[in-house]
Protein backbone atom coordinates (compact mmCIF):
# COMPACT_ATOMS: atom_id res chain seq x y z
CA MET A 1 29.17 -16.38 -1.25
CA ALA A 2 26.12 -14.62 0.14
CA THR A 3 22.73 -15.02 -1.44
CA TYR A 4 21.16 -12.20 -3.36
CA LYS A 5 18.41 -10.71 -1.24
CA PHE A 6 15.49 -8.88 -2.74
CA VAL A 7 14.89 -5.51 -1.09
CA ALA A 8 12.11 -2.98 -1.46
CA ARG A 9 13.78 -1.04 -4.29
CA ASP A 10 13.86 -4.26 -6.36
CA LEU A 11 10.13 -4.89 -5.94
CA MET A 12 8.45 -1.51 -5.69
CA THR A 13 6.28 0.25 -8.22
CA GLU A 14 8.03 3.57 -8.68
CA LYS A 15 5.19 5.47 -10.35
CA VAL A 16 3.16 6.56 -7.32
CA VAL A 17 0.16 8.85 -7.61
CA CYS A 18 0.38 11.39 -4.78
CA VAL A 19 -1.80 14.28 -3.64
CA THR A 20 -1.21 17.26 -1.38
CA PRO A 21 -3.07 18.32 1.76
CA GLU A 22 -4.64 21.14 -0.30
CA THR A 23 -6.12 18.82 -2.96
CA SER A 24 -9.92 19.06 -2.91
CA ILE A 25 -11.94 15.93 -2.18
CA HIS A 26 -13.64 16.31 -5.57
CA ASP A 27 -10.24 16.25 -7.30
CA LEU A 28 -9.15 13.33 -5.12
CA ILE A 29 -12.16 11.27 -6.20
CA LYS A 30 -11.50 12.04 -9.87
CA LEU A 31 -7.86 11.00 -9.43
CA LEU A 32 -8.80 7.71 -7.71
CA VAL A 33 -11.25 6.83 -10.47
CA LYS A 34 -8.87 7.82 -13.28
CA ASN A 35 -6.00 5.73 -11.89
CA GLN A 36 -8.17 2.89 -10.50
CA ILE A 37 -6.61 3.14 -7.05
CA THR A 38 -8.19 3.12 -3.61
CA GLY A 39 -5.96 5.78 -2.10
CA ALA A 40 -2.81 7.86 -2.38
CA PRO A 41 0.10 9.09 -0.27
CA VAL A 42 -0.16 12.74 0.79
CA VAL A 43 2.98 14.85 0.37
CA ASP A 44 3.79 18.45 1.24
CA ARG A 45 5.29 21.08 -1.09
CA GLU A 46 8.77 19.64 -0.56
CA GLY A 47 7.56 16.15 -1.43
CA ALA A 48 7.82 14.85 2.14
CA LEU A 49 5.28 12.22 3.18
CA VAL A 50 2.70 13.63 5.62
CA GLY A 51 -0.10 11.07 5.42
CA VAL A 52 -2.28 8.83 3.28
CA VAL A 53 -5.84 9.29 2.09
CA SER A 54 -8.24 6.62 0.88
CA LYS A 55 -11.69 5.82 -0.36
CA THR A 56 -12.54 4.83 3.22
CA ASP A 57 -11.65 8.34 4.42
CA VAL A 58 -13.96 9.82 1.78
CA VAL A 59 -16.81 7.50 2.78
CA GLU A 60 -16.38 8.28 6.48
CA TYR A 61 -16.18 12.05 6.04
CA ASP A 62 -19.04 13.92 7.68
CA GLY A 63 -19.50 17.27 5.94
CA LYS A 64 -21.75 18.65 8.69
CA THR A 65 -19.20 18.24 11.45
CA ARG A 66 -16.12 18.32 9.19
CA LYS A 67 -15.03 15.28 11.15
CA LYS A 68 -11.52 14.12 10.38
CA ALA A 69 -10.72 10.49 9.71
CA GLY A 70 -9.33 8.45 12.57
CA GLU A 71 -5.81 7.09 12.82
CA SER A 72 -6.80 3.49 12.14
CA THR A 73 -4.70 1.64 9.56
CA ASN A 74 -7.78 -0.30 8.43
CA LYS A 75 -8.09 1.97 5.41
CA SER A 76 -8.68 1.07 1.80
CA PHE A 77 -5.33 2.62 0.83
CA TYR A 78 -3.59 -0.43 2.25
CA HIS A 79 -5.79 -3.02 0.54
CA GLU A 80 -6.29 -4.22 -3.01
CA THR A 81 -8.64 -2.38 -5.34
CA ASN A 82 -11.77 -3.88 -6.82
CA GLY A 83 -13.91 -3.36 -9.90
CA LYS A 84 -16.60 -1.50 -7.97
CA LEU A 85 -14.39 1.50 -7.25
CA LYS A 86 -15.74 3.85 -9.94
CA LYS A 87 -19.35 2.99 -9.18
CA GLU A 88 -18.86 3.52 -5.44
CA LEU A 89 -17.09 6.87 -5.86
CA ASP A 90 -19.62 8.10 -8.44
CA LYS A 91 -22.36 7.34 -5.92
CA LEU A 92 -20.51 9.32 -3.25
CA LEU A 93 -20.36 12.38 -5.48
CA LYS A 94 -24.12 12.20 -5.96
CA THR A 95 -25.08 11.51 -2.35
CA LYS A 96 -22.53 13.49 -0.32
CA THR A 97 -21.76 17.19 -0.13
CA PHE A 98 -18.06 17.89 0.24
CA GLY A 99 -18.15 21.64 -0.33
CA LYS A 100 -14.64 23.07 -0.02
CA ALA A 101 -13.31 20.11 1.97
CA LEU A 102 -9.68 19.25 1.31
CA VAL A 103 -7.54 16.15 1.66
CA LYS A 104 -6.08 17.54 4.90
CA ASP A 105 -9.59 17.36 6.40
CA ILE A 106 -9.83 13.59 5.94
CA MET A 107 -6.32 12.16 5.61
CA THR A 108 -4.69 9.77 8.06
CA THR A 109 -1.37 11.06 9.37
CA ARG A 110 -0.09 7.76 10.74
CA VAL A 111 1.48 5.98 7.78
CA ILE A 112 2.86 2.44 7.48
CA THR A 113 6.14 2.69 5.58
CA ALA A 114 9.33 0.83 4.78
CA GLN A 115 12.72 1.92 3.46
CA THR A 116 14.20 1.13 0.05
CA ASP A 117 16.76 -1.27 1.55
CA ASP A 118 14.28 -3.25 3.67
CA SER A 119 14.32 -6.96 2.81
CA ILE A 120 11.46 -8.94 1.29
CA ASP A 121 11.21 -10.75 4.65
CA ARG A 122 10.66 -7.48 6.51
CA LEU A 123 8.07 -6.29 3.97
CA ALA A 124 6.13 -9.54 4.31
CA LYS A 125 6.27 -9.29 8.11
CA ILE A 126 4.97 -5.71 8.08
CA MET A 127 2.06 -6.72 5.83
CA HIS A 128 1.30 -9.78 7.94
CA ASP A 129 1.49 -7.98 11.31
CA LYS A 130 -0.54 -4.98 10.13
CA LYS A 131 -2.95 -7.10 8.03
CA ILE A 132 -2.41 -4.91 4.97
CA HIS A 133 -1.64 -5.49 1.31
CA ARG A 134 0.64 -2.61 0.37
CA VAL A 135 3.34 -0.50 1.99
CA VAL A 136 4.63 2.98 1.09
CA ILE A 137 8.38 2.96 0.41
CA ARG A 138 10.38 5.99 1.49
CA GLU A 139 13.90 7.23 0.93
CA GLY A 140 14.39 9.68 3.73
CA GLU A 141 11.13 11.61 3.85
CA GLN A 142 10.40 11.23 0.13
CA VAL A 143 7.91 8.74 -1.33
CA VAL A 144 9.74 6.66 -3.93
CA GLY A 145 7.44 3.67 -4.42
CA VAL A 146 4.83 1.22 -3.20
CA VAL A 147 5.18 -2.53 -2.64
CA SER A 148 2.13 -4.81 -2.66
CA THR A 149 1.59 -8.46 -1.75
CA LEU A 150 1.41 -9.18 -5.48
CA ASP A 151 4.91 -7.71 -5.90
CA ILE A 152 6.18 -10.06 -3.19
CA LEU A 153 4.41 -13.07 -4.70
CA HIS A 154 5.93 -12.28 -8.08
CA ALA A 155 9.42 -12.02 -6.57
CA VAL A 156 9.05 -15.31 -4.70
CA SER A 157 7.81 -17.06 -7.85
CA THR A 158 10.91 -15.96 -9.80
CA MET A 159 13.45 -17.08 -7.20
CA GLY A 160 14.53 -20.40 -8.69
CA TYR A 161 16.54 -22.67 -6.43
CA GLY A 162 18.65 -23.73 -9.41
CA SER A 163 19.64 -20.18 -10.29
CA SER A 164 23.33 -19.43 -10.63
CA ALA A 165 22.79 -16.64 -8.10
CA PHE A 166 22.74 -19.27 -5.34
CA VAL A 167 25.99 -21.14 -5.73
CA THR A 168 26.54 -22.85 -2.37
CA GLU A 169 24.53 -25.37 -0.38
CA GLU A 170 24.65 -23.06 2.64
CA ALA A 171 23.29 -20.22 0.52
CA ILE A 172 20.45 -22.40 -0.78
CA LEU A 173 19.50 -23.53 2.74
CA ASP A 174 19.55 -19.92 3.90
CA LEU A 175 17.30 -18.95 1.00
CA GLN A 176 14.90 -21.81 1.70
CA GLU A 177 14.55 -20.78 5.33
CA ARG A 178 13.86 -17.18 4.40
CA LEU A 179 11.41 -18.17 1.68
CA GLU A 180 9.51 -20.50 4.00
CA ALA A 181 9.10 -17.69 6.51
CA ALA A 182 8.08 -15.22 3.79
CA GLU A 183 5.70 -17.70 2.18
CA LYS A 184 3.92 -18.30 5.50
CA SER A 185 3.42 -14.56 5.89
CA ILE A 186 2.30 -14.21 2.28
CA GLN A 187 -0.16 -17.11 2.63
CA SER A 188 -1.68 -15.39 5.65
CA LEU A 189 -1.99 -12.22 3.57
CA ARG A 190 -3.64 -14.15 0.75
CA ASP A 191 -6.12 -15.66 3.22
CA ILE A 192 -6.98 -12.18 4.45
CA LEU A 193 -7.38 -10.97 0.87
CA ASP A 194 -9.65 -13.92 0.05
CA THR A 195 -11.76 -13.14 3.12
CA ILE A 196 -12.09 -9.49 2.12
CA HIS A 197 -13.08 -10.41 -1.44
CA GLY A 198 -15.51 -13.00 -0.11
CA GLU A 199 -17.29 -10.39 1.97
CA LYS A 200 -17.99 -8.20 -1.07
C-alpha cells in the first residue's frame, strides 16, 4: 500500500489577500498593515496571477523617476513578516510621495509558484533553492493558496511513524527517506530565517 503524501492543497492557506494592478500604493499599504502581511499576489480582472507586490517594492519605489521594481525574488513577499511592519509602512507614508502610483508601477512580474498537487518534498525544495519562506499555489492561472515554511513544519510534525496510514515496512522506509530530505531542506530554511531575524 502506498504512503499518503501531503501535497500543496493539504497544507496551503486558502484565504489569500490579493490586489490588482490598478490598486493604488496608498491602498496597498493600508491592506498590508490591516492584514499584517508583507506582500500580496497581483491578479487581473479574471483572477489570473500576473505578479506579486511587497513591502520591499514600496520601499524601493522612486516617485521622481517612477522606477519599477526589479525582477529579483529577494522580496519581502516571500519572507516571514515581523512586528515592525506597521511602523515601517507608516513611516513610508510620511516620508515618501506616491501620488497616483499604482501596484502595476512597482510589482514584480516573475512569480515563484507551485501547483495544488505538488508534493511537500517539491515545496521544500523550491523554498530551499530559492531561499524563500512562502510559495504562491496556483490551479491553472488562478491563485488558490499560499504555503509557508511553517505550514511544512506543521505537516512534518504531525506525520507520526506509528500512524495507521503507514501500514508496511516499505512504506515507512519510503516516508523516512522523504522526511529526511524534506527536513534537511526545512532546516536550511530555518537557518536562513534565523539569520534574517538576527539581522533586524
